């Protein structure tokens, strides 16, 4: 296949550059995304630590705004990261990045997007970084980055569309998973943080309700349904109604004093460290690394964020079994940048060995697993604050001593079992989609260099898309 060489600059018809100055921000308004919102493992910009601008600032301060189908390219900090601009656009872009528009007479936009994200192009950009402490890839450098573009425009479209479809499917799965996570977290917070079923029972007792009224109050709190809707459920879905009534009956109707204030009667307190077995990863030394990538990969925090093993370090040494991880393991990274690294993860990147600064969580049963997973999700702000108190050079950590000191409200076994039954299907559906995304990411990134090089024919691409 014939390729033509163009500079990055020559492949663009529009560059939207909004100065290198900080944009005036307000408490609410139009989201202003910064470079931290552009990630190569997300199709679209994500809303992470965003600021806002007023409508007046949006209309008058900026030199221009991106349009759907443009790309956002990071120039400072982590140069080369690129995201696709969605339709509709609900944000504006800050400094240190530009919106770019492909010149479609030379390159298909989706092909350019895939090419920019490819390992080869990313390495070129890294090698061209200007700056010491903070890497730069200036707009004036766009003419110095040269890219190989197939002369066959139809092939460009096939490659670009294939890559984009992978990214879209991954993005859709992530969106569904965010909804599932939100649902489960809402249930966890209602039951085990706000104690809604218990408090509604107490309020019903104080209002002089009879036993049926007290139970109905808890049923409303658990289901979010009105009395009329509960009556309709009883008539049309008697099994679901009976299950809901049984669930409501599990919650106590009074509170008791504790070190953490009032908690439901009969429930206890437990140190966070006792909600699972927390096994810290190994401190691997150079002698453990294999020179020929034989053995199993060593999984670090960077791999957890990506959801796949980058395979930078391997070991075939006789590593202790307790450091071995596999699909569906729950991991918690307890050290690093508090805002971005302290997180609980489900791992679906395959077999490997766990590096230090990450806990593997072992559970006695599924009830403990579901509760602790959503507990750690809920406690993330507290854990981040704890790490920030010890933060040095941008890093912080949560120690075993911290986790032994942190007390959490722990329900009785019957309520814990019922919670497991309620959120178990949500957790497992989420896991299925995460597992699918891990496979999609691996397949997409394996195929991309072959597609860009022309190693695969259009017929082969069609077969891949068909799958």
Protein backbone atom coordinates (compact mmCIF):
# COMPACT_ATOMS: atom_id res chain seq x y z
CA UNK A 1 0.00 0.00 0.00
CA UNK A 2 1.24 3.48 -0.88
CA UNK A 3 1.71 6.00 1.96
CA UNK A 4 2.16 9.75 1.76
CA UNK A 5 4.07 11.67 4.44
CA UNK A 6 2.51 14.78 5.92
CA UNK A 7 3.35 16.94 8.86
CA UNK A 8 0.76 16.92 11.64
CA UNK A 9 0.13 20.61 10.90
CA UNK A 10 -0.60 19.92 7.22
CA UNK A 11 -3.25 17.35 8.17
CA UNK A 12 -5.31 19.95 10.04
CA UNK A 13 -7.77 22.46 8.67
CA UNK A 14 -8.52 24.22 12.00
CA UNK A 15 -6.67 24.63 15.29
CA UNK A 16 -8.60 26.23 18.16
CA UNK A 17 -6.04 27.63 20.61
CA UNK A 18 -7.47 29.47 23.62
CA UNK A 19 -4.26 31.16 24.83
CA UNK A 20 -1.95 30.03 27.57
CA UNK A 21 -3.80 31.93 30.25
CA UNK A 22 -6.12 30.81 33.03
CA UNK A 23 -9.76 31.30 32.16
CA UNK A 24 -11.94 33.18 34.71
CA UNK A 25 -14.03 30.57 36.52
CA UNK A 26 -17.27 30.63 38.52
CA UNK A 27 -18.90 28.18 40.95
CA UNK A 28 -21.40 26.86 38.40
CA UNK A 29 -22.18 27.24 34.74
CA UNK A 30 -20.65 25.70 31.61
CA UNK A 31 -18.09 22.96 32.40
CA UNK A 32 -14.49 23.93 31.64
CA UNK A 33 -12.41 20.85 30.98
CA UNK A 34 -8.66 20.87 31.58
CA UNK A 35 -5.88 18.56 30.42
CA UNK A 36 -6.63 16.06 33.21
CA UNK A 37 -9.97 15.37 31.50
CA UNK A 38 -8.28 14.09 28.31
CA UNK A 39 -7.21 10.45 28.56
CA UNK A 40 -6.20 8.05 25.82
CA UNK A 41 -8.20 5.25 27.40
CA UNK A 42 -11.48 7.21 27.12
CA UNK A 43 -13.15 8.12 23.85
CA UNK A 44 -14.60 11.41 25.07
CA UNK A 45 -13.35 13.90 27.66
CA UNK A 46 -14.25 12.93 31.21
CA UNK A 47 -15.46 15.32 33.88
CA UNK A 48 -12.73 15.12 36.53
CA UNK A 49 -12.01 18.03 38.91
CA UNK A 50 -13.65 20.45 36.51
CA UNK A 51 -14.26 24.18 36.85
CA UNK A 52 -17.03 26.28 35.32
CA UNK A 53 -17.37 29.46 33.28
CA UNK A 54 -20.24 31.89 32.87
CA UNK A 55 -22.16 32.29 29.63
CA UNK A 56 -20.57 35.71 29.16
CA UNK A 57 -17.07 34.26 29.49
CA UNK A 58 -18.00 31.45 27.10
CA UNK A 59 -19.21 34.01 24.53
CA UNK A 60 -16.42 36.59 24.84
CA UNK A 61 -13.22 35.23 26.38
CA UNK A 62 -12.42 32.32 24.06
CA UNK A 63 -10.96 32.57 20.59
CA UNK A 64 -13.09 29.66 19.45
CA UNK A 65 -14.80 26.46 20.52
CA UNK A 66 -14.55 22.87 19.26
CA UNK A 67 -17.25 21.37 17.07
CA UNK A 68 -18.59 17.78 17.12
CA UNK A 69 -16.14 15.49 15.37
CA UNK A 70 -13.13 17.60 16.28
CA UNK A 71 -10.39 16.23 18.52
CA UNK A 72 -8.90 17.73 21.68
CA UNK A 73 -5.12 17.45 21.78
CA UNK A 74 -3.07 18.02 24.95
CA UNK A 75 0.02 20.20 24.51
CA UNK A 76 1.35 20.50 28.07
CA UNK A 77 1.78 18.14 30.98
CA UNK A 78 1.11 14.87 29.16
CA UNK A 79 1.44 15.96 25.52
CA UNK A 80 -0.20 13.80 22.90
CA UNK A 81 -3.27 12.67 24.78
CA UNK A 82 -6.26 13.06 22.52
CA UNK A 83 -10.05 12.73 22.86
CA UNK A 84 -12.94 12.89 20.44
CA UNK A 85 -15.43 15.78 20.72
CA UNK A 86 -18.96 14.43 21.24
CA UNK A 87 -22.26 15.65 19.87
CA UNK A 88 -23.73 17.61 21.60
CA UNK A 89 -20.89 19.52 23.23
CA UNK A 90 -21.58 20.55 26.81
CA UNK A 91 -18.16 21.99 27.72
CA UNK A 92 -15.44 24.41 26.70
CA UNK A 93 -11.69 23.81 26.78
CA UNK A 94 -9.06 25.41 28.98
CA UNK A 95 -5.46 26.32 28.21
CA UNK A 96 -2.61 23.88 27.52
CA UNK A 97 -4.60 21.99 24.88
CA UNK A 98 -6.14 22.71 21.51
CA UNK A 99 -9.09 21.55 19.48
CA UNK A 100 -8.04 20.22 16.09
CA UNK A 101 -10.03 19.50 12.95
CA UNK A 102 -8.78 17.09 10.31
CA UNK A 103 -8.34 18.25 6.73
CA UNK A 104 -10.61 15.67 5.12
CA UNK A 105 -9.05 16.18 1.71
CA UNK A 106 -5.96 14.43 3.08
CA UNK A 107 -7.01 12.29 6.02
CA UNK A 108 -10.17 10.72 7.33
CA UNK A 109 -10.80 12.20 10.83
CA UNK A 110 -11.27 8.86 12.59
CA UNK A 111 -8.09 7.55 10.96
CA UNK A 112 -6.11 10.51 12.26
CA UNK A 113 -7.61 9.92 15.70
CA UNK A 114 -6.47 6.29 15.67
CA UNK A 115 -3.05 7.23 14.32
CA UNK A 116 -2.49 9.86 17.00
CA UNK A 117 -3.35 7.35 19.71
CA UNK A 118 -1.10 4.64 18.30
CA UNK A 119 1.97 3.60 20.24
CA UNK A 120 4.29 4.71 17.45
CA UNK A 121 2.91 8.25 17.27
CA UNK A 122 2.77 8.57 21.05
CA UNK A 123 6.46 7.65 21.24
CA UNK A 124 7.31 10.25 18.61
CA UNK A 125 5.52 12.92 20.61
CA UNK A 126 7.27 11.87 23.83
CA UNK A 127 10.65 12.10 22.10
CA UNK A 128 9.81 15.63 20.92
CA UNK A 129 8.80 16.96 24.35
CA UNK A 130 10.14 20.41 25.07
CA UNK A 131 10.64 21.38 28.71
CA UNK A 132 12.21 20.02 31.85
CA UNK A 133 9.78 19.84 34.75
CA UNK A 134 6.62 20.08 32.65
CA UNK A 135 6.79 18.52 29.15
CA UNK A 136 5.50 20.65 26.27
CA UNK A 137 4.55 19.89 22.69
CA UNK A 138 3.90 23.35 21.30
CA UNK A 139 1.58 24.20 18.46
CA UNK A 140 4.68 25.42 16.62
CA UNK A 141 5.99 21.84 16.83
CA UNK A 142 3.05 20.42 14.89
CA UNK A 143 4.98 20.97 11.67
CA UNK A 144 7.85 18.83 12.99
CA UNK A 145 5.79 15.70 13.63
CA UNK A 146 5.54 13.65 10.44
CA UNK A 147 2.89 11.00 9.90
CA UNK A 148 2.40 8.35 7.23
CA UNK A 149 -1.07 8.44 5.63
CA UNK A 150 -2.38 5.74 3.24
CA UNK A 151 -3.11 6.95 -0.24
CA UNK A 152 -6.23 4.73 -0.26
CA UNK A 153 -8.94 6.89 1.39
CA UNK A 154 -11.35 3.96 1.62
CA UNK A 155 -8.76 2.06 3.60
CA UNK A 156 -8.40 5.06 5.91
CA UNK A 157 -12.15 5.01 6.48
CA UNK A 158 -12.19 1.29 7.22
CA UNK A 159 -9.34 1.55 9.71
CA UNK A 160 -10.70 4.68 11.35
CA UNK A 161 -14.24 3.36 11.63
CA UNK A 162 -13.03 0.03 12.99
CA UNK A 163 -10.97 1.71 15.72
CA UNK A 164 -13.78 4.14 16.54
CA UNK A 165 -16.36 1.37 16.89
CA UNK A 166 -14.18 -0.38 19.44
CA UNK A 167 -13.87 2.88 21.37
CA UNK A 168 -17.62 3.52 21.20
CA UNK A 169 -18.49 0.07 22.53
CA UNK A 170 -16.01 0.49 25.38
CA UNK A 171 -17.49 3.92 26.17
CA UNK A 172 -21.06 2.56 26.17
CA UNK A 173 -20.09 -0.26 28.53
CA UNK A 174 -18.44 2.25 30.85
CA UNK A 175 -21.55 4.43 30.84
CA UNK A 176 -23.76 1.46 31.73
CA UNK A 177 -21.33 0.51 34.48
CA UNK A 178 -21.41 4.01 35.93
CA UNK A 179 -25.19 3.69 36.16
CA UNK A 180 -24.93 0.27 37.80
CA UNK A 181 -22.34 1.54 40.29
CA UNK A 182 -24.55 4.52 41.14
CA UNK A 183 -27.53 2.24 41.77
CA UNK A 184 -25.58 -0.03 44.10
CA UNK A 185 -23.95 2.88 45.89
CA UNK A 186 -27.35 4.51 46.47
CA UNK A 187 -28.62 1.31 48.09
CA UNK A 188 -25.49 0.99 50.23
CA UNK A 189 -25.73 4.59 51.42
CA UNK A 190 -29.43 4.33 52.20
CA UNK A 191 -29.07 1.11 54.20
CA UNK A 192 -25.69 1.45 55.90
CA UNK A 193 -24.90 5.17 56.07
CA UNK A 194 -28.18 7.08 56.30
CA UNK A 195 -30.04 4.12 57.90
CA UNK A 196 -33.20 5.16 56.01
CA UNK A 197 -35.25 1.98 56.70
CA UNK A 198 -34.46 2.19 60.42
CA UNK A 199 -35.19 5.90 60.70
CA UNK A 200 -38.49 5.61 58.85
CA UNK A 201 -39.54 2.86 61.24
CA UNK A 202 -38.69 5.07 64.19
CA UNK A 203 -40.65 7.96 62.67
CA UNK A 204 -43.64 5.66 62.05
CA UNK A 205 -43.57 4.48 65.68
CA UNK A 206 -43.44 8.08 66.91
CA UNK A 207 -46.41 8.88 64.65
CA UNK A 208 -48.40 6.10 66.31
CA UNK A 209 -48.48 3.73 63.34
CA UNK A 210 -49.39 0.10 63.87
CA UNK A 211 -47.09 -2.79 62.94
CA UNK A 212 -48.31 -2.82 59.33
CA UNK A 213 -47.78 0.92 59.00
CA UNK A 214 -44.27 0.65 60.42
CA UNK A 215 -43.40 -2.10 57.94
CA UNK A 216 -44.89 -0.10 55.05
CA UNK A 217 -42.78 2.90 56.06
CA UNK A 218 -39.62 0.81 55.77
CA UNK A 219 -40.82 -0.67 52.49
CA UNK A 220 -41.29 2.83 51.09
CA UNK A 221 -37.78 3.80 52.19
CA UNK A 222 -36.23 0.72 50.62
CA UNK A 223 -38.13 0.75 47.33
CA UNK A 224 -38.85 4.44 46.81
CA UNK A 225 -42.48 3.54 46.08
CA UNK A 226 -45.64 5.19 47.40
CA UNK A 227 -48.32 3.30 49.33
CA UNK A 228 -50.47 3.13 46.18
CA UNK A 229 -47.55 1.66 44.23
CA UNK A 230 -46.92 -0.85 47.00
CA UNK A 231 -50.57 -1.89 46.90
CA UNK A 232 -50.30 -2.36 43.13
CA UNK A 233 -47.16 -4.46 43.66
CA UNK A 234 -48.96 -6.60 46.22
CA UNK A 235 -51.76 -7.26 43.73
CA UNK A 236 -49.67 -7.72 40.58
CA UNK A 237 -46.30 -8.92 41.88
CA UNK A 238 -47.01 -10.77 45.13
CA UNK A 239 -43.62 -12.51 45.22
CA UNK A 240 -41.72 -9.24 44.87
CA UNK A 241 -43.98 -7.64 47.46
CA UNK A 242 -43.35 -10.48 49.92
CA UNK A 243 -39.59 -10.24 49.34
CA UNK A 244 -39.65 -6.49 49.94
CA UNK A 245 -41.70 -6.96 53.11
CA UNK A 246 -39.22 -9.54 54.37
CA UNK A 247 -36.36 -7.14 53.66
CA UNK A 248 -38.11 -4.38 55.58
CA UNK A 249 -38.54 -6.73 58.53
CA UNK A 250 -34.79 -7.26 58.79
CA UNK A 251 -34.11 -3.68 59.84
CA UNK A 252 -34.39 -2.80 63.52
CA UNK A 253 -36.82 -0.13 64.70
CA UNK A 254 -34.48 1.62 67.16
CA UNK A 255 -30.95 2.96 67.46
CA UNK A 256 -28.20 2.40 70.01
CA UNK A 257 -25.21 4.45 71.15
CA UNK A 258 -21.75 3.65 69.81
CA UNK A 259 -18.33 5.22 69.37
CA UNK A 260 -19.59 6.49 66.02
CA UNK A 261 -22.85 7.89 67.39
CA UNK A 262 -26.25 6.31 66.96
CA UNK A 263 -26.30 3.10 64.92
CA UNK A 264 -29.09 0.57 64.32
CA UNK A 265 -29.77 -1.65 67.31
CA UNK A 266 -28.06 -5.03 67.05
CA UNK A 267 -25.49 -3.83 64.54
CA UNK A 268 -21.85 -3.50 65.48
CA UNK A 269 -18.68 -1.60 64.70
CA UNK A 270 -15.68 -3.13 63.01
CA UNK A 271 -12.27 -1.76 61.97
CA UNK A 272 -12.04 -1.29 58.23
CA UNK A 273 -9.04 -3.60 58.23
CA UNK A 274 -11.24 -6.47 59.44
CA UNK A 275 -13.82 -6.21 56.65
CA UNK A 276 -11.62 -8.49 54.48
CA UNK A 277 -8.15 -9.96 54.46
CA UNK A 278 -5.92 -7.23 53.05
CA UNK A 279 -2.73 -8.65 51.49
CA UNK A 280 -0.13 -6.11 50.41
CA UNK A 281 1.69 -6.71 47.14
CA UNK A 282 5.33 -7.73 46.91
CA UNK A 283 8.33 -5.40 46.80
CA UNK A 284 9.88 -6.83 43.64
CA UNK A 285 13.61 -6.33 43.09
CA UNK A 286 15.55 -6.30 39.85
CA UNK A 287 16.57 -9.92 40.30
CA UNK A 288 12.92 -10.93 39.88
CA UNK A 289 12.56 -9.41 36.41
CA UNK A 290 12.89 -11.65 33.37
CA UNK A 291 14.78 -10.32 30.39
CA UNK A 292 12.70 -12.11 27.76
CA UNK A 293 9.21 -11.24 29.11
CA UNK A 294 8.74 -14.82 30.26
CA UNK A 295 6.59 -15.61 33.24
CA UNK A 296 3.75 -13.45 34.55
CA UNK A 297 3.47 -9.65 34.44
CA UNK A 298 3.91 -7.57 37.58
CA UNK A 299 0.78 -5.50 38.08
CA UNK A 300 1.32 -1.92 39.24
CA UNK A 301 -1.07 0.96 39.92
CA UNK A 302 -0.77 2.16 36.31
CA UNK A 303 -2.11 -1.19 35.09
CA UNK A 304 -5.02 -1.01 37.54
CA UNK A 305 -6.09 2.32 36.09
CA UNK A 306 -5.92 0.97 32.54
CA UNK A 307 -7.57 -2.32 33.43
CA UNK A 308 -4.96 -4.28 31.46
CA UNK A 309 -1.36 -5.37 31.92
CA UNK A 310 1.09 -3.22 29.97
CA UNK A 311 3.67 -5.98 30.37
CA UNK A 312 6.59 -3.72 31.25
CA UNK A 313 7.94 -6.09 33.92
CA UNK A 314 7.68 -9.88 34.04
CA UNK A 315 8.88 -12.48 36.49
CA UNK A 316 9.17 -16.23 36.30
CA UNK A 317 10.65 -16.44 39.79
CA UNK A 318 9.03 -18.56 42.47
CA UNK A 319 6.81 -15.79 43.86
CA UNK A 320 4.64 -16.53 46.86
CA UNK A 321 1.11 -17.61 46.00
CA UNK A 322 -0.45 -14.84 48.07
CA UNK A 323 0.80 -12.27 45.54
CA UNK A 324 -0.88 -14.02 42.60
CA UNK A 325 -3.92 -12.28 41.11
CA UNK A 326 -6.41 -13.25 38.42
CA UNK A 327 -9.64 -12.05 36.88
CA UNK A 328 -12.38 -10.93 39.30
CA UNK A 329 -9.99 -10.18 42.15
CA UNK A 330 -10.70 -7.00 44.13
CA UNK A 331 -7.70 -4.74 44.64
CA UNK A 332 -7.15 -1.50 46.52
CA UNK A 333 -4.29 0.89 45.74
CA UNK A 334 -3.36 2.56 49.00
CA UNK A 335 -0.45 4.75 47.95
CA UNK A 336 0.15 7.38 45.30
CA UNK A 337 -1.51 10.61 44.28
CA UNK A 338 -4.52 10.65 46.67
CA UNK A 339 -6.98 12.15 44.20
CA UNK A 340 -6.22 9.75 41.35
CA UNK A 341 -4.55 6.63 42.73
CA UNK A 342 -6.41 5.66 45.90
CA UNK A 343 -9.18 3.49 44.51
CA UNK A 344 -10.81 0.09 44.73
CA UNK A 345 -10.61 -1.93 41.51
CA UNK A 346 -11.99 -5.10 40.04
CA UNK A 347 -9.20 -6.72 38.07
CA UNK A 348 -9.88 -8.35 34.70
CA UNK A 349 -6.44 -8.08 33.12
CA UNK A 350 -5.56 -11.75 33.51
CA UNK A 351 -2.99 -13.59 35.61
CA UNK A 352 -0.15 -11.69 37.24
CA UNK A 353 1.68 -10.85 40.43
CA UNK A 354 0.73 -7.87 42.55
CA UNK A 355 3.24 -5.10 43.12
CA UNK A 356 3.62 -3.26 46.42
CA UNK A 357 1.34 -0.35 47.39
CA UNK A 358 -1.71 -2.40 46.39
CA UNK A 359 -3.85 -4.61 48.58
CA UNK A 360 -5.45 -7.78 47.31
CA UNK A 361 -8.69 -8.40 49.20
CA UNK A 362 -9.57 -11.96 50.16
CA UNK A 363 -13.13 -12.61 51.31
CA UNK A 364 -14.79 -15.31 53.37
CA UNK A 365 -17.92 -15.23 51.18
CA UNK A 366 -19.77 -13.18 48.57
CA UNK A 367 -21.70 -11.29 51.25
CA UNK A 368 -18.47 -9.90 52.66
CA UNK A 369 -17.16 -9.21 49.16
CA UNK A 370 -20.10 -7.10 48.00
CA UNK A 371 -20.34 -5.17 51.26
CA UNK A 372 -16.62 -4.35 51.48
CA UNK A 373 -16.34 -3.38 47.82
CA UNK A 374 -19.11 -0.80 48.09
CA UNK A 375 -17.90 0.25 51.54
CA UNK A 376 -14.50 1.17 50.10
CA UNK A 377 -16.20 3.04 47.27
CA UNK A 378 -18.22 5.02 49.80
CA UNK A 379 -15.19 5.71 52.02
CA UNK A 380 -13.05 7.05 49.19
CA UNK A 381 -13.30 10.73 50.29
CA UNK A 382 -12.25 9.84 53.86
CA UNK A 383 -9.41 7.66 52.63
CA UNK A 384 -8.19 10.43 50.33
CA UNK A 385 -8.25 12.95 53.17
CA UNK A 386 -6.29 10.51 55.34
CA UNK A 387 -3.65 10.12 52.63
CA UNK A 388 -3.46 13.86 52.02
CA UNK A 389 -2.50 14.44 55.65
CA UNK A 390 0.69 12.46 54.99
CA UNK A 391 1.23 13.77 51.48
CA UNK A 392 4.80 14.50 50.39
CA UNK A 393 6.01 15.32 46.87
CA UNK A 394 2.48 14.83 45.58
CA UNK A 395 2.12 11.35 47.07
CA UNK A 396 0.17 10.07 50.05
CA UNK A 397 -0.85 6.76 51.55
CA UNK A 398 -3.30 4.92 53.78
CA UNK A 399 -1.53 2.57 56.18
CA UNK A 400 -2.66 -0.60 57.91
CA UNK A 401 -2.63 1.41 61.14
CA UNK A 402 -5.07 3.88 59.58
CA UNK A 403 -7.38 1.07 58.50
CA UNK A 404 -7.27 -0.52 61.95
CA UNK A 405 -8.21 2.81 63.48
CA UNK A 406 -11.12 3.54 61.11
CA UNK A 407 -14.36 2.06 62.43
CA UNK A 408 -17.28 1.21 60.16
CA UNK A 409 -20.86 0.26 60.95
CA UNK A 410 -21.33 -3.44 60.27
CA UNK A 411 -24.83 -4.97 59.91
CA UNK A 412 -26.07 -8.28 61.26
CA UNK A 413 -25.66 -11.37 59.11
CA UNK A 414 -29.26 -11.47 57.87
CA UNK A 415 -29.16 -7.88 56.59
CA UNK A 416 -25.72 -8.45 55.10
CA UNK A 417 -27.03 -11.51 53.25
CA UNK A 418 -30.05 -9.61 51.94
CA UNK A 419 -27.84 -6.76 50.72
CA UNK A 420 -25.74 -9.33 48.91
CA UNK A 421 -28.85 -10.70 47.20
CA UNK A 422 -30.00 -7.22 46.18
CA UNK A 423 -26.71 -5.86 44.80
CA UNK A 424 -25.14 -9.15 43.72
CA UNK A 425 -26.70 -9.08 40.25
CA UNK A 426 -25.66 -5.44 39.83
CA UNK A 427 -22.09 -6.23 40.85
CA UNK A 428 -21.87 -9.24 38.54
CA UNK A 429 -23.37 -7.42 35.54
CA UNK A 430 -20.83 -4.67 36.12
CA UNK A 431 -18.09 -7.31 36.19
CA UNK A 432 -19.28 -8.85 32.93
CA UNK A 433 -19.04 -5.48 31.18
CA UNK A 434 -15.62 -4.78 32.69
CA UNK A 435 -14.40 -8.17 31.53
CA UNK A 436 -15.75 -7.47 28.04
CA UNK A 437 -14.03 -4.10 27.97
CA UNK A 438 -10.69 -5.65 28.93
CA UNK A 439 -10.99 -7.98 25.96
CA UNK A 440 -12.07 -5.17 23.63
CA UNK A 441 -9.18 -2.95 24.68
CA UNK A 442 -6.67 -5.76 24.21
CA UNK A 443 -8.07 -6.68 20.77
CA UNK A 444 -8.30 -3.06 19.61
CA UNK A 445 -4.74 -2.25 20.65
CA UNK A 446 -3.39 -5.47 19.14
CA UNK A 447 -5.08 -4.81 15.81
CA UNK A 448 -4.28 -1.09 15.55
CA UNK A 449 -0.59 -1.32 14.50
CA UNK A 450 -1.47 -4.00 11.96
CA UNK A 451 -4.25 -1.84 10.54
CA UNK A 452 -2.10 1.28 10.36
CA UNK A 453 0.74 -0.58 8.64
CA UNK A 454 -1.59 -2.07 6.03
CA UNK A 455 -0.76 -5.57 7.19
CA UNK A 456 -4.48 -6.41 7.27
CA UNK A 457 -6.62 -6.20 4.17
CA UNK A 458 -10.00 -4.50 3.93
CA UNK A 459 -11.62 -7.96 3.90
CA UNK A 460 -9.83 -8.83 7.13
CA UNK A 461 -11.03 -5.58 8.69
CA UNK A 462 -14.60 -6.43 7.70
CA UNK A 463 -14.23 -9.81 9.43
CA UNK A 464 -13.00 -8.08 12.61
CA UNK A 465 -15.87 -5.61 12.54
CA UNK A 466 -18.28 -8.44 11.99
CA UNK A 467 -17.10 -10.06 15.21
